[in-house]
Amino acid sequence: MIYIITQTSISSAYPIFVQRGYENPREATGRISCANCHLANKPVDIEVPQTVLPDTVFEAVVRIPYDKQVKQVLANGKKGGLNVGAVLI
């Protein structure tokens, strides 16, 4: 029997940008480093109907003001526009 044991860093499960910047992708508070880029809190403007009847489809408009000059690194390594979104519950 041959046993192969490999030791990989904990950051190898995270994107390459995190692997290069962090030895351990968790901060002392327990927050993962992805939250530094992906889970920002921003003020938003939301337009929704005042009343919605059961079994009806309605539209919600969410506006997130942000600096459109800011770029992010894309999967191909080039700079591109930010991915901005919201979760409505």
N, C-alpha and C. Protein backbone atom coordinates (compact mmCIF):
# COMPACT_ATOMS: atom_id res chain seq x y z
N MET A 1 0.83 -1.18 0.00
CA MET A 1 0.00 0.00 0.00
C MET A 1 0.87 1.24 0.00
N ILE A 2 0.44 2.18 -0.78
CA ILE A 2 1.15 3.45 -0.85
C ILE A 2 0.18 4.55 -0.44
N TYR A 3 0.60 5.34 0.51
CA TYR A 3 -0.21 6.47 0.95
C TYR A 3 0.47 7.75 0.48
N ILE A 4 -0.30 8.56 -0.16
CA ILE A 4 0.21 9.86 -0.59
C ILE A 4 -0.49 10.92 0.23
N ILE A 5 0.29 11.67 0.94
CA ILE A 5 -0.26 12.73 1.79
C ILE A 5 0.23 14.06 1.23
N THR A 6 -0.70 14.92 0.97
CA THR A 6 -0.34 16.25 0.49
C THR A 6 -0.85 17.29 1.46
N GLN A 7 -0.12 18.33 1.57
CA GLN A 7 -0.49 19.44 2.45
C GLN A 7 -0.78 20.65 1.57
N THR A 8 -2.01 21.10 1.55
CA THR A 8 -2.35 22.30 0.79
C THR A 8 -2.79 23.37 1.77
N SER A 9 -2.63 24.60 1.35
CA SER A 9 -3.05 25.68 2.24
C SER A 9 -4.57 25.79 2.24
N ILE A 10 -5.10 26.35 3.30
CA ILE A 10 -6.55 26.49 3.43
C ILE A 10 -7.11 27.42 2.36
N SER A 11 -6.28 28.33 1.86
CA SER A 11 -6.77 29.29 0.87
C SER A 11 -6.92 28.70 -0.53
N SER A 12 -6.50 27.46 -0.75
CA SER A 12 -6.57 26.89 -2.10
C SER A 12 -8.00 26.66 -2.57
N ALA A 13 -8.97 26.69 -1.68
CA ALA A 13 -10.37 26.53 -2.07
C ALA A 13 -11.00 27.84 -2.51
N TYR A 14 -10.27 28.93 -2.41
CA TYR A 14 -10.80 30.25 -2.72
C TYR A 14 -10.21 30.75 -4.04
N PRO A 15 -10.82 31.77 -4.66
CA PRO A 15 -10.32 32.28 -5.94
C PRO A 15 -8.85 32.70 -5.86
N ILE A 16 -8.21 32.73 -7.02
CA ILE A 16 -6.78 33.01 -7.08
C ILE A 16 -6.43 34.36 -6.46
N PHE A 17 -7.32 35.34 -6.56
CA PHE A 17 -7.04 36.65 -5.99
C PHE A 17 -6.93 36.58 -4.48
N VAL A 18 -7.72 35.73 -3.86
CA VAL A 18 -7.67 35.56 -2.41
C VAL A 18 -6.47 34.71 -2.03
N GLN A 19 -6.15 33.71 -2.83
CA GLN A 19 -5.02 32.85 -2.52
C GLN A 19 -3.72 33.64 -2.46
N ARG A 20 -3.59 34.63 -3.31
CA ARG A 20 -2.36 35.41 -3.34
C ARG A 20 -2.30 36.41 -2.19
N GLY A 21 -3.43 36.88 -1.74
CA GLY A 21 -3.44 37.94 -0.73
C GLY A 21 -3.55 37.47 0.70
N TYR A 22 -4.00 36.25 0.91
CA TYR A 22 -4.28 35.81 2.27
C TYR A 22 -3.70 34.42 2.52
N GLU A 23 -2.95 34.27 3.59
CA GLU A 23 -2.50 32.95 4.02
C GLU A 23 -3.69 32.12 4.46
N ASN A 24 -4.56 32.74 5.25
CA ASN A 24 -5.79 32.11 5.72
C ASN A 24 -6.93 33.04 5.32
N PRO A 25 -7.88 32.58 4.50
CA PRO A 25 -8.93 33.48 4.01
C PRO A 25 -9.95 33.92 5.05
N ARG A 26 -9.83 33.46 6.30
CA ARG A 26 -10.73 33.91 7.36
C ARG A 26 -10.04 34.96 8.22
N GLU A 27 -10.76 36.04 8.49
CA GLU A 27 -10.24 37.05 9.40
C GLU A 27 -10.41 36.58 10.83
N ALA A 28 -9.85 37.29 11.77
CA ALA A 28 -9.97 36.92 13.19
C ALA A 28 -11.42 36.92 13.65
N THR A 29 -12.26 37.72 13.01
CA THR A 29 -13.67 37.80 13.38
C THR A 29 -14.48 36.64 12.82
N GLY A 30 -13.87 35.82 11.94
CA GLY A 30 -14.59 34.72 11.32
C GLY A 30 -15.12 35.06 9.94
N ARG A 31 -15.04 36.32 9.57
CA ARG A 31 -15.53 36.75 8.26
C ARG A 31 -14.56 36.27 7.18
N ILE A 32 -15.09 35.70 6.10
CA ILE A 32 -14.21 35.26 5.03
C ILE A 32 -13.83 36.44 4.15
N SER A 33 -12.67 36.36 3.55
CA SER A 33 -12.14 37.48 2.78
C SER A 33 -13.00 37.83 1.58
N CYS A 34 -13.82 36.91 1.10
CA CYS A 34 -14.72 37.22 -0.03
C CYS A 34 -15.63 38.40 0.32
N ALA A 35 -15.95 38.53 1.60
CA ALA A 35 -16.85 39.60 2.02
C ALA A 35 -16.23 40.97 1.82
N ASN A 36 -14.91 41.05 1.72
CA ASN A 36 -14.26 42.34 1.49
C ASN A 36 -14.63 42.91 0.14
N CYS A 37 -14.86 42.05 -0.84
CA CYS A 37 -15.20 42.52 -2.19
C CYS A 37 -16.67 42.33 -2.53
N HIS A 38 -17.26 41.24 -2.08
CA HIS A 38 -18.56 40.83 -2.59
C HIS A 38 -19.76 41.19 -1.72
N LEU A 39 -19.56 41.50 -0.47
CA LEU A 39 -20.70 41.73 0.41
C LEU A 39 -20.68 43.13 1.00
N ALA A 40 -20.51 44.10 0.17
CA ALA A 40 -20.48 45.48 0.65
C ALA A 40 -21.89 45.96 0.98
N ASN A 41 -21.98 46.87 1.90
CA ASN A 41 -23.26 47.50 2.23
C ASN A 41 -23.31 48.86 1.55
N LYS A 42 -24.33 49.08 0.75
CA LYS A 42 -24.49 50.34 0.04
C LYS A 42 -25.91 50.84 0.24
N PRO A 43 -26.10 52.16 0.24
CA PRO A 43 -27.47 52.68 0.26
C PRO A 43 -28.13 52.37 -1.09
N VAL A 44 -29.41 52.06 -1.05
CA VAL A 44 -30.13 51.72 -2.28
C VAL A 44 -31.44 52.49 -2.35
N ASP A 45 -31.92 52.68 -3.57
CA ASP A 45 -33.25 53.23 -3.81
C ASP A 45 -34.09 52.10 -4.36
N ILE A 46 -35.25 51.85 -3.76
CA ILE A 46 -36.12 50.76 -4.19
C ILE A 46 -37.49 51.31 -4.52
N GLU A 47 -38.00 50.92 -5.69
CA GLU A 47 -39.37 51.27 -6.08
C GLU A 47 -40.17 49.98 -6.18
N VAL A 48 -41.18 49.85 -5.34
CA VAL A 48 -42.07 48.68 -5.37
C VAL A 48 -43.51 49.16 -5.30
N PRO A 49 -44.46 48.37 -5.77
CA PRO A 49 -45.87 48.77 -5.66
C PRO A 49 -46.30 48.83 -4.19
N GLN A 50 -47.26 49.69 -3.90
CA GLN A 50 -47.75 49.79 -2.53
C GLN A 50 -48.59 48.59 -2.14
N THR A 51 -49.31 48.02 -3.08
CA THR A 51 -50.11 46.83 -2.81
C THR A 51 -49.87 45.80 -3.91
N VAL A 52 -49.89 44.54 -3.51
CA VAL A 52 -49.74 43.44 -4.46
C VAL A 52 -50.79 42.40 -4.14
N LEU A 53 -51.57 42.03 -5.14
CA LEU A 53 -52.60 41.00 -4.94
C LEU A 53 -51.97 39.62 -5.01
N PRO A 54 -52.59 38.63 -4.38
CA PRO A 54 -52.06 37.26 -4.44
C PRO A 54 -51.98 36.76 -5.89
N ASP A 55 -51.01 35.93 -6.16
CA ASP A 55 -50.81 35.32 -7.48
C ASP A 55 -50.63 36.34 -8.59
N THR A 56 -49.99 37.44 -8.29
CA THR A 56 -49.69 38.43 -9.32
C THR A 56 -48.18 38.64 -9.40
N VAL A 57 -47.73 38.99 -10.57
CA VAL A 57 -46.32 39.28 -10.77
C VAL A 57 -46.15 40.80 -10.71
N PHE A 58 -45.15 41.25 -9.99
CA PHE A 58 -44.90 42.68 -9.91
C PHE A 58 -43.42 42.95 -10.14
N GLU A 59 -43.12 44.19 -10.40
CA GLU A 59 -41.75 44.58 -10.69
C GLU A 59 -41.21 45.45 -9.57
N ALA A 60 -39.98 45.19 -9.18
CA ALA A 60 -39.27 46.03 -8.21
C ALA A 60 -38.05 46.60 -8.91
N VAL A 61 -37.85 47.90 -8.77
CA VAL A 61 -36.69 48.56 -9.37
C VAL A 61 -35.74 48.93 -8.25
N VAL A 62 -34.50 48.45 -8.36
CA VAL A 62 -33.48 48.72 -7.35
C VAL A 62 -32.37 49.53 -8.01
N ARG A 63 -32.05 50.67 -7.44
CA ARG A 63 -30.94 51.49 -7.93
C ARG A 63 -29.86 51.52 -6.86
N ILE A 64 -28.65 51.17 -7.27
CA ILE A 64 -27.51 51.16 -6.35
C ILE A 64 -26.50 52.19 -6.86
N PRO A 65 -26.38 53.32 -6.17
CA PRO A 65 -25.42 54.32 -6.64
C PRO A 65 -23.98 53.86 -6.32
N TYR A 66 -23.13 53.89 -7.34
CA TYR A 66 -21.72 53.54 -7.15
C TYR A 66 -20.89 54.26 -8.20
N ASP A 67 -19.61 54.34 -7.97
CA ASP A 67 -18.69 55.00 -8.89
C ASP A 67 -18.48 54.10 -10.11
N LYS A 68 -18.93 54.55 -11.25
CA LYS A 68 -18.85 53.74 -12.48
C LYS A 68 -17.44 53.69 -13.06
N GLN A 69 -16.53 54.49 -12.51
CA GLN A 69 -15.14 54.47 -12.96
C GLN A 69 -14.34 53.33 -12.32
N VAL A 70 -14.85 52.76 -11.23
CA VAL A 70 -14.15 51.67 -10.54
C VAL A 70 -14.25 50.41 -11.38
N LYS A 71 -13.14 49.68 -11.49
CA LYS A 71 -13.08 48.46 -12.29
C LYS A 71 -12.77 47.27 -11.39
N GLN A 72 -13.09 46.08 -11.89
CA GLN A 72 -12.73 44.85 -11.20
C GLN A 72 -11.94 43.97 -12.15
N VAL A 73 -11.22 43.00 -11.61
CA VAL A 73 -10.48 42.06 -12.43
C VAL A 73 -11.44 40.97 -12.88
N LEU A 74 -11.52 40.75 -14.20
CA LEU A 74 -12.41 39.74 -14.76
C LEU A 74 -11.72 38.37 -14.77
N ALA A 75 -12.46 37.34 -15.12
CA ALA A 75 -11.92 35.98 -15.14
C ALA A 75 -10.76 35.83 -16.12
N ASN A 76 -10.75 36.63 -17.18
CA ASN A 76 -9.66 36.54 -18.16
C ASN A 76 -8.46 37.39 -17.78
N GLY A 77 -8.50 38.04 -16.60
CA GLY A 77 -7.38 38.85 -16.13
C GLY A 77 -7.45 40.31 -16.52
N LYS A 78 -8.39 40.68 -17.37
CA LYS A 78 -8.52 42.08 -17.79
C LYS A 78 -9.42 42.83 -16.82
N LYS A 79 -9.38 44.15 -16.90
CA LYS A 79 -10.24 44.97 -16.06
C LYS A 79 -11.58 45.19 -16.75
N GLY A 80 -12.65 45.18 -15.97
CA GLY A 80 -13.99 45.39 -16.52
C GLY A 80 -14.88 46.06 -15.50
N GLY A 81 -16.11 46.30 -15.88
CA GLY A 81 -17.07 46.94 -14.98
C GLY A 81 -17.39 46.08 -13.77
N LEU A 82 -17.82 46.73 -12.71
CA LEU A 82 -18.17 46.01 -11.48
C LEU A 82 -19.45 45.21 -11.65
N ASN A 83 -19.50 44.06 -11.03
CA ASN A 83 -20.75 43.31 -10.93
C ASN A 83 -21.47 43.82 -9.69
N VAL A 84 -22.58 44.47 -9.89
CA VAL A 84 -23.34 45.04 -8.78
C VAL A 84 -24.73 44.43 -8.80
N GLY A 85 -25.22 44.03 -7.64
CA GLY A 85 -26.55 43.43 -7.58
C GLY A 85 -27.14 43.56 -6.20
N ALA A 86 -28.36 43.08 -6.07
CA ALA A 86 -29.05 43.14 -4.79
C ALA A 86 -29.89 41.88 -4.63
N VAL A 87 -30.16 41.53 -3.40
CA VAL A 87 -31.04 40.41 -3.08
C VAL A 87 -32.27 40.97 -2.39
N LEU A 88 -33.44 40.72 -2.95
CA LEU A 88 -34.69 41.18 -2.34
C LEU A 88 -35.40 39.99 -1.73
N ILE A 89 -35.82 40.14 -0.51
CA ILE A 89 -36.56 39.07 0.18
C ILE A 89 -37.89 39.63 0.63
